[in-house]
Amino acid sequence: MNLKFKCLLPNLKKNYIEKSSIKNYSWFSKALQHLKNNKDIELHTARCPGIINYLNYVWIQKSYQDIIIKTNGDGESFLYATSFKQEDSKYGKYIGPYVHYHNKEQLDNFLPLNKKSLKTIIKIQSPYIVTVPDGYWLLRLPVAYSDDDRFTGAIGFFDKTNFLNVQLFWHELNSEQIIKEGTPLCQFVLVPKKNLDVEVTEGNLKDILNSGLFKD
């Protein structure tokens, strides 16, 4: 069983889909340094297994080039510029431009977006294709615990073979921003396609003690 990513830009010198690492998050480096200076703090963010395990497990898709996004305060429109025209590449007629959009009629008209988000969704048309193994979903998520709060990636499931396009809810409504090459755009997790029976029952002290998390 393999999860396969293929890039349709033959001359791309780096891989912009990679395994995540907690070391890549600047805020966590600060938390870790704080813990080193305050080792007596037992309940510390730098010790949180939920955060550490997650950020060391997921894959990340990063932008392979700089993108300029300019908004004018009307809450809907934007302008963009890229250093490389993806549509002019070898497979450009299939991939299209790196930046596209979903207008407000596609989501905001039905599910009004947060007032701090552009009504137009910015679509990053990825040059990567994924093939997901049988029996699994590839779950696309926003970058959890991100160092960047200018945008939030949309959530969605992929199966079989798909382009790894990323929809961004944009939060900078009246400014010019640069998404630098190497900026994480979204995260991916492989999820089994299984329907499990779920039990919800009443717990007791024995359940607490058997968990190993507490002592009587």
C-alpha atoms as a PDB file:
ATOM      1  CA  MET A   1       0.000   0.000   0.000  1.00  0.00           C
ATOM      2  CA  ASN A   2       1.436   3.355  -1.072  1.00  0.00           C
ATOM      3  CA  LEU A   3       0.241   6.926  -0.951  1.00  0.00           C
ATOM      4  CA  LYS A   4       1.575   8.453  -4.182  1.00  0.00           C
ATOM      5  CA  PHE A   5       2.184  12.116  -4.958  1.00  0.00           C
ATOM      6  CA  LYS A   6       3.231  13.165  -8.481  1.00  0.00           C
ATOM      7  CA  CYS A   7       4.328  16.637  -9.558  1.00  0.00           C
ATOM      8  CA  LEU A   8       3.439  17.950 -13.027  1.00  0.00           C
ATOM      9  CA  LEU A   9       6.173  20.588 -13.031  1.00  0.00           C
ATOM     10  CA  PRO A  10       9.200  18.648 -14.361  1.00  0.00           C
ATOM     11  CA  ASN A  11      11.730  21.365 -13.501  1.00  0.00           C
ATOM     12  CA  LEU A  12      10.682  21.879  -9.905  1.00  0.00           C
ATOM     13  CA  LYS A  13      13.931  21.415  -7.967  1.00  0.00           C
ATOM     14  CA  LYS A  14      12.436  20.781  -4.516  1.00  0.00           C
ATOM     15  CA  ASN A  15       9.639  18.678  -3.104  1.00  0.00           C
ATOM     16  CA  TYR A  16       6.896  20.867  -1.647  1.00  0.00           C
ATOM     17  CA  ILE A  17       4.936  18.018  -0.097  1.00  0.00           C
ATOM     18  CA  GLU A  18       6.728  16.714   2.961  1.00  0.00           C
ATOM     19  CA  LYS A  19       6.285  15.003   6.293  1.00  0.00           C
ATOM     20  CA  SER A  20       5.590  17.476   9.045  1.00  0.00           C
ATOM     21  CA  SER A  21       7.891  17.941  12.016  1.00  0.00           C
ATOM     22  CA  ILE A  22       7.269  19.764  15.259  1.00  0.00           C
ATOM     23  CA  LYS A  23      10.666  21.404  14.717  1.00  0.00           C
ATOM     24  CA  ASN A  24       9.270  23.339  11.736  1.00  0.00           C
ATOM     25  CA  TYR A  25       6.969  25.468  13.915  1.00  0.00           C
ATOM     26  CA  SER A  26       8.686  28.554  15.289  1.00  0.00           C
ATOM     27  CA  TRP A  27       6.194  28.987  18.143  1.00  0.00           C
ATOM     28  CA  PHE A  28       6.953  25.478  19.412  1.00  0.00           C
ATOM     29  CA  SER A  29      10.668  26.273  19.498  1.00  0.00           C
ATOM     30  CA  LYS A  30       9.790  29.161  21.824  1.00  0.00           C
ATOM     31  CA  ALA A  31       7.665  26.863  23.978  1.00  0.00           C
ATOM     32  CA  LEU A  32      10.457  24.305  24.140  1.00  0.00           C
ATOM     33  CA  GLN A  33      12.980  26.931  25.195  1.00  0.00           C
ATOM     34  CA  HIS A  34      10.566  28.142  27.868  1.00  0.00           C
ATOM     35  CA  LEU A  35      10.272  24.582  29.200  1.00  0.00           C
ATOM     36  CA  LYS A  36      14.062  24.206  29.293  1.00  0.00           C
ATOM     37  CA  ASN A  37      14.222  27.342  31.422  1.00  0.00           C
ATOM     38  CA  ASN A  38      11.308  26.221  33.615  1.00  0.00           C
ATOM     39  CA  LYS A  39      11.688  22.454  33.989  1.00  0.00           C
ATOM     40  CA  ASP A  40       9.528  22.379  37.119  1.00  0.00           C
ATOM     41  CA  ILE A  41       6.364  23.198  35.116  1.00  0.00           C
ATOM     42  CA  GLU A  42       4.643  19.826  34.752  1.00  0.00           C
ATOM     43  CA  LEU A  43       1.662  20.837  32.602  1.00  0.00           C
ATOM     44  CA  HIS A  44       3.485  22.588  29.758  1.00  0.00           C
ATOM     45  CA  THR A  45       2.507  22.991  26.093  1.00  0.00           C
ATOM     46  CA  ALA A  46       5.901  21.640  25.012  1.00  0.00           C
ATOM     47  CA  ARG A  47       4.976  18.346  26.701  1.00  0.00           C
ATOM     48  CA  CYS A  48       1.502  18.030  25.128  1.00  0.00           C
ATOM     49  CA  PRO A  49       1.288  14.609  23.403  1.00  0.00           C
ATOM     50  CA  GLY A  50      -1.740  15.641  21.348  1.00  0.00           C
ATOM     51  CA  ILE A  51       0.109  18.511  19.668  1.00  0.00           C
ATOM     52  CA  ILE A  52       3.469  16.751  19.341  1.00  0.00           C
ATOM     53  CA  ASN A  53       2.096  13.482  17.943  1.00  0.00           C
ATOM     54  CA  TYR A  54      -0.142  15.276  15.453  1.00  0.00           C
ATOM     55  CA  LEU A  55       2.454  17.675  14.085  1.00  0.00           C
ATOM     56  CA  ASN A  56       4.984  14.851  13.701  1.00  0.00           C
ATOM     57  CA  TYR A  57       2.480  12.663  11.837  1.00  0.00           C
ATOM     58  CA  VAL A  58       0.771  14.744   9.120  1.00  0.00           C
ATOM     59  CA  TRP A  59       2.017  15.716   5.665  1.00  0.00           C
ATOM     60  CA  ILE A  60       2.234  19.338   4.560  1.00  0.00           C
ATOM     61  CA  GLN A  61       1.772  20.945   1.155  1.00  0.00           C
ATOM     62  CA  LYS A  62       3.791  24.155   0.794  1.00  0.00           C
ATOM     63  CA  SER A  63       3.628  26.874  -1.809  1.00  0.00           C
ATOM     64  CA  TYR A  64       6.334  26.276  -4.427  1.00  0.00           C
ATOM     65  CA  GLN A  65       6.560  29.975  -5.345  1.00  0.00           C
ATOM     66  CA  ASP A  66       5.904  33.462  -3.981  1.00  0.00           C
ATOM     67  CA  ILE A  67       2.322  34.714  -4.317  1.00  0.00           C
ATOM     68  CA  ILE A  68       1.223  38.328  -3.883  1.00  0.00           C
ATOM     69  CA  ILE A  69      -2.401  38.744  -2.749  1.00  0.00           C
ATOM     70  CA  LYS A  70      -3.871  42.255  -2.686  1.00  0.00           C
ATOM     71  CA  THR A  71      -7.293  43.163  -1.270  1.00  0.00           C
ATOM     72  CA  ASN A  72      -9.008  46.561  -1.291  1.00  0.00           C
ATOM     73  CA  GLY A  73     -11.452  46.414   1.616  1.00  0.00           C
ATOM     74  CA  ASP A  74     -14.608  45.547  -0.341  1.00  0.00           C
ATOM     75  CA  GLY A  75     -14.670  42.089   1.284  1.00  0.00           C
ATOM     76  CA  GLU A  76     -14.932  40.256  -2.019  1.00  0.00           C
ATOM     77  CA  SER A  77     -12.367  41.016  -4.714  1.00  0.00           C
ATOM     78  CA  PHE A  78      -8.617  40.416  -4.822  1.00  0.00           C
ATOM     79  CA  LEU A  79      -5.682  40.753  -7.177  1.00  0.00           C
ATOM     80  CA  TYR A  80      -2.722  38.404  -7.344  1.00  0.00           C
ATOM     81  CA  ALA A  81       0.681  38.031  -8.931  1.00  0.00           C
ATOM     82  CA  THR A  82       3.069  35.100  -9.142  1.00  0.00           C
ATOM     83  CA  SER A  83       6.697  34.951 -10.212  1.00  0.00           C
ATOM     84  CA  PHE A  84       6.053  31.895 -12.403  1.00  0.00           C
ATOM     85  CA  LYS A  85       3.121  31.378 -14.773  1.00  0.00           C
ATOM     86  CA  GLN A  86       2.112  27.797 -14.168  1.00  0.00           C
ATOM     87  CA  GLU A  87      -0.319  27.881 -17.106  1.00  0.00           C
ATOM     88  CA  ASP A  88       2.643  28.259 -19.471  1.00  0.00           C
ATOM     89  CA  SER A  89       4.394  25.123 -18.191  1.00  0.00           C
ATOM     90  CA  LYS A  90       4.560  21.757 -19.991  1.00  0.00           C
ATOM     91  CA  TYR A  91       1.208  20.599 -18.598  1.00  0.00           C
ATOM     92  CA  GLY A  92      -0.174  24.078 -18.038  1.00  0.00           C
ATOM     93  CA  LYS A  93      -3.317  23.552 -20.087  1.00  0.00           C
ATOM     94  CA  TYR A  94      -4.327  20.848 -17.603  1.00  0.00           C
ATOM     95  CA  ILE A  95      -3.142  22.533 -14.404  1.00  0.00           C
ATOM     96  CA  GLY A  96      -4.105  26.121 -15.187  1.00  0.00           C
ATOM     97  CA  PRO A  97      -2.795  29.191 -13.323  1.00  0.00           C
ATOM     98  CA  TYR A  98      -1.453  28.657  -9.809  1.00  0.00           C
ATOM     99  CA  VAL A  99      -4.035  31.051  -8.327  1.00  0.00           C
ATOM    100  CA  HIS A 100      -7.753  30.918  -9.137  1.00  0.00           C
ATOM    101  CA  TYR A 101     -10.909  31.424  -7.073  1.00  0.00           C
ATOM    102  CA  HIS A 102     -14.424  30.367  -6.106  1.00  0.00           C
ATOM    103  CA  ASN A 103     -16.747  33.381  -6.193  1.00  0.00           C
ATOM    104  CA  LYS A 104     -19.225  34.120  -3.407  1.00  0.00           C
ATOM    105  CA  GLU A 105     -22.057  32.381  -5.292  1.00  0.00           C
ATOM    106  CA  GLN A 106     -20.325  29.036  -4.717  1.00  0.00           C
ATOM    107  CA  LEU A 107     -20.376  29.087  -0.899  1.00  0.00           C
ATOM    108  CA  ASP A 108     -21.061  32.440   0.771  1.00  0.00           C
ATOM    109  CA  ASN A 109     -24.558  32.667  -0.736  1.00  0.00           C
ATOM    110  CA  PHE A 110     -25.479  29.440   1.074  1.00  0.00           C
ATOM    111  CA  LEU A 111     -23.140  29.466   4.076  1.00  0.00           C
ATOM    112  CA  PRO A 112     -22.249  33.101   4.903  1.00  0.00           C
ATOM    113  CA  LEU A 113     -18.559  33.318   5.658  1.00  0.00           C
ATOM    114  CA  ASN A 114     -17.076  34.945   8.729  1.00  0.00           C
ATOM    115  CA  LYS A 115     -16.953  38.746   8.445  1.00  0.00           C
ATOM    116  CA  LYS A 116     -13.186  38.499   8.815  1.00  0.00           C
ATOM    117  CA  SER A 117     -12.923  36.339   5.674  1.00  0.00           C
ATOM    118  CA  LEU A 118     -13.030  37.323   2.018  1.00  0.00           C
ATOM    119  CA  LYS A 119     -16.326  36.197   0.458  1.00  0.00           C
ATOM    120  CA  THR A 120     -14.351  34.960  -2.531  1.00  0.00           C
ATOM    121  CA  ILE A 121     -12.363  31.810  -1.756  1.00  0.00           C
ATOM    122  CA  ILE A 122      -8.820  31.805  -3.113  1.00  0.00           C
ATOM    123  CA  LYS A 123      -8.035  28.556  -4.903  1.00  0.00           C
ATOM    124  CA  ILE A 124      -4.449  27.350  -5.207  1.00  0.00           C
ATOM    125  CA  GLN A 125      -4.326  25.028  -8.225  1.00  0.00           C
ATOM    126  CA  SER A 126      -1.671  22.584  -7.176  1.00  0.00           C
ATOM    127  CA  PRO A 127       0.687  20.945  -9.688  1.00  0.00           C
ATOM    128  CA  TYR A 128       0.567  17.801  -7.530  1.00  0.00           C
ATOM    129  CA  ILE A 129      -1.655  14.788  -8.169  1.00  0.00           C
ATOM    130  CA  VAL A 130      -2.317  12.277  -5.404  1.00  0.00           C
ATOM    131  CA  THR A 131      -3.315   8.636  -5.711  1.00  0.00           C
ATOM    132  CA  VAL A 132      -4.901   7.422  -2.487  1.00  0.00           C
ATOM    133  CA  PRO A 133      -4.708   3.665  -1.732  1.00  0.00           C
ATOM    134  CA  ASP A 134      -7.920   1.648  -1.798  1.00  0.00           C
ATOM    135  CA  GLY A 135      -9.818   1.658   1.466  1.00  0.00           C
ATOM    136  CA  TYR A 136      -8.560   5.100   2.565  1.00  0.00           C
ATOM    137  CA  TRP A 137      -9.455   8.759   2.448  1.00  0.00           C
ATOM    138  CA  LEU A 138      -6.859  11.511   2.322  1.00  0.00           C
ATOM    139  CA  LEU A 139      -8.166  14.181   4.671  1.00  0.00           C
ATOM    140  CA  ARG A 140      -7.091  17.729   3.803  1.00  0.00           C
ATOM    141  CA  LEU A 141      -6.971  20.047   6.811  1.00  0.00           C
ATOM    142  CA  PRO A 142      -5.977  23.636   7.560  1.00  0.00           C
ATOM    143  CA  VAL A 143      -2.512  23.971   9.038  1.00  0.00           C
ATOM    144  CA  ALA A 144      -3.125  23.279  12.717  1.00  0.00           C
ATOM    145  CA  TYR A 145      -1.098  25.352  15.213  1.00  0.00           C
ATOM    146  CA  SER A 146       0.111  27.459  12.300  1.00  0.00           C
ATOM    147  CA  ASP A 147       2.558  30.344  12.564  1.00  0.00           C
ATOM    148  CA  ASP A 148       0.495  32.102   9.837  1.00  0.00           C
ATOM    149  CA  ASP A 149      -2.982  33.499  10.606  1.00  0.00           C
ATOM    150  CA  ARG A 150      -3.632  35.263   7.278  1.00  0.00           C
ATOM    151  CA  PHE A 151      -5.621  32.383   5.833  1.00  0.00           C
ATOM    152  CA  THR A 152      -7.309  29.101   6.734  1.00  0.00           C
ATOM    153  CA  GLY A 153      -7.343  26.096   4.422  1.00  0.00           C
ATOM    154  CA  ALA A 154     -10.671  24.415   3.657  1.00  0.00           C
ATOM    155  CA  ILE A 155     -11.325  20.866   4.854  1.00  0.00           C
ATOM    156  CA  GLY A 156     -12.102  18.030   2.445  1.00  0.00           C
ATOM    157  CA  PHE A 157     -11.683  14.326   1.639  1.00  0.00           C
ATOM    158  CA  PHE A 158      -9.859  12.903  -1.395  1.00  0.00           C
ATOM    159  CA  ASP A 159      -9.942   9.355  -2.663  1.00  0.00           C
ATOM    160  CA  LYS A 160      -8.605   7.604  -5.787  1.00  0.00           C
ATOM    161  CA  THR A 161      -6.686  10.126  -7.983  1.00  0.00           C
ATOM    162  CA  ASN A 162      -7.110  13.891  -7.641  1.00  0.00           C
ATOM    163  CA  PHE A 163      -5.316  17.207  -7.989  1.00  0.00           C
ATOM    164  CA  LEU A 164      -4.255  18.502  -4.574  1.00  0.00           C
ATOM    165  CA  ASN A 165      -5.874  21.913  -4.993  1.00  0.00           C
ATOM    166  CA  VAL A 166      -6.161  24.024  -1.847  1.00  0.00           C
ATOM    167  CA  GLN A 167      -9.028  26.411  -1.111  1.00  0.00           C
ATOM    168  CA  LEU A 168      -8.072  29.266   1.216  1.00  0.00           C
ATOM    169  CA  PHE A 169     -10.368  31.407   3.353  1.00  0.00           C
ATOM    170  CA  TRP A 170      -8.508  34.728   3.214  1.00  0.00           C
ATOM    171  CA  HIS A 171      -8.527  36.942   6.334  1.00  0.00           C
ATOM    172  CA  GLU A 172      -6.537  40.018   5.238  1.00  0.00           C
ATOM    173  CA  LEU A 173      -9.284  42.213   3.797  1.00  0.00           C
ATOM    174  CA  ASN A 174      -7.448  45.446   2.971  1.00  0.00           C
ATOM    175  CA  SER A 175      -3.739  44.894   2.437  1.00  0.00           C
ATOM    176  CA  GLU A 176      -1.053  43.446   0.238  1.00  0.00           C
ATOM    177  CA  GLN A 177       0.436  40.181   1.480  1.00  0.00           C
ATOM    178  CA  ILE A 178       3.115  37.835   0.193  1.00  0.00           C
ATOM    179  CA  ILE A 179       2.815  34.105   0.635  1.00  0.00           C
ATOM    180  CA  LYS A 180       6.469  33.185   0.496  1.00  0.00           C
ATOM    181  CA  GLU A 181       7.794  30.101  -1.229  1.00  0.00           C
ATOM    182  CA  GLY A 182       7.765  27.291   1.329  1.00  0.00           C
ATOM    183  CA  THR A 183       4.742  28.605   3.267  1.00  0.00           C
ATOM    184  CA  PRO A 184       2.576  25.682   4.489  1.00  0.00           C
ATOM    185  CA  LEU A 185      -0.871  25.817   2.865  1.00  0.00           C
ATOM    186  CA  CYS A 186      -2.571  22.714   4.273  1.00  0.00           C
ATOM    187  CA  GLN A 187      -2.026  19.385   6.012  1.00  0.00           C
ATOM    188  CA  PHE A 188      -2.973  15.830   5.038  1.00  0.00           C
ATOM    189  CA  VAL A 189      -3.871  12.757   7.089  1.00  0.00           C
ATOM    190  CA  LEU A 190      -4.639   9.282   5.751  1.00  0.00           C
ATOM    191  CA  VAL A 191      -7.927   7.943   7.192  1.00  0.00           C
ATOM    192  CA  PRO A 192      -9.268   4.373   6.824  1.00  0.00           C
ATOM    193  CA  LYS A 193     -12.703   4.004   5.227  1.00  0.00           C
ATOM    194  CA  LYS A 194     -14.176   1.994   8.079  1.00  0.00           C
ATOM    195  CA  ASN A 195     -17.546   2.179   9.796  1.00  0.00           C
ATOM    196  CA  LEU A 196     -16.999   1.290  13.430  1.00  0.00           C
ATOM    197  CA  ASP A 197     -19.597   0.418  16.037  1.00  0.00           C
ATOM    198  CA  VAL A 198     -19.556   3.119  18.711  1.00  0.00           C
ATOM    199  CA  GLU A 199     -20.444   2.532  22.349  1.00  0.00           C
ATOM    200  CA  VAL A 200     -21.207   5.318  24.822  1.00  0.00           C
ATOM    201  CA  THR A 201     -21.651   4.004  28.375  1.00  0.00           C
ATOM    202  CA  GLU A 202     -21.399   5.236  31.947  1.00  0.00           C
ATOM    203  CA  GLY A 203     -17.904   5.203  33.421  1.00  0.00           C
ATOM    204  CA  ASN A 204     -16.780   4.691  37.037  1.00  0.00           C
ATOM    205  CA  LEU A 205     -13.717   4.883  39.284  1.00  0.00           C
ATOM    206  CA  LYS A 206     -12.367   1.585  37.957  1.00  0.00           C
ATOM    207  CA  ASP A 207     -12.304   3.025  34.438  1.00  0.00           C
ATOM    208  CA  ILE A 208     -10.377   6.053  35.711  1.00  0.00           C
ATOM    209  CA  LEU A 209      -7.778   3.966  37.529  1.00  0.00           C
ATOM    210  CA  ASN A 210      -7.385   1.507  34.651  1.00  0.00           C
ATOM    211  CA  SER A 211      -6.606   4.403  32.329  1.00  0.00           C
ATOM    212  CA  GLY A 212      -3.239   4.866  34.054  1.00  0.00           C
ATOM    213  CA  LEU A 213      -3.712   8.630  34.062  1.00  0.00           C
ATOM    214  CA  PHE A 214      -4.591   9.017  37.738  1.00  0.00           C
ATOM    215  CA  LYS A 215      -3.931   7.352  41.064  1.00  0.00           C
ATOM    216  CA  ASP A 216      -6.502   6.734  43.805  1.00  0.00           C
END
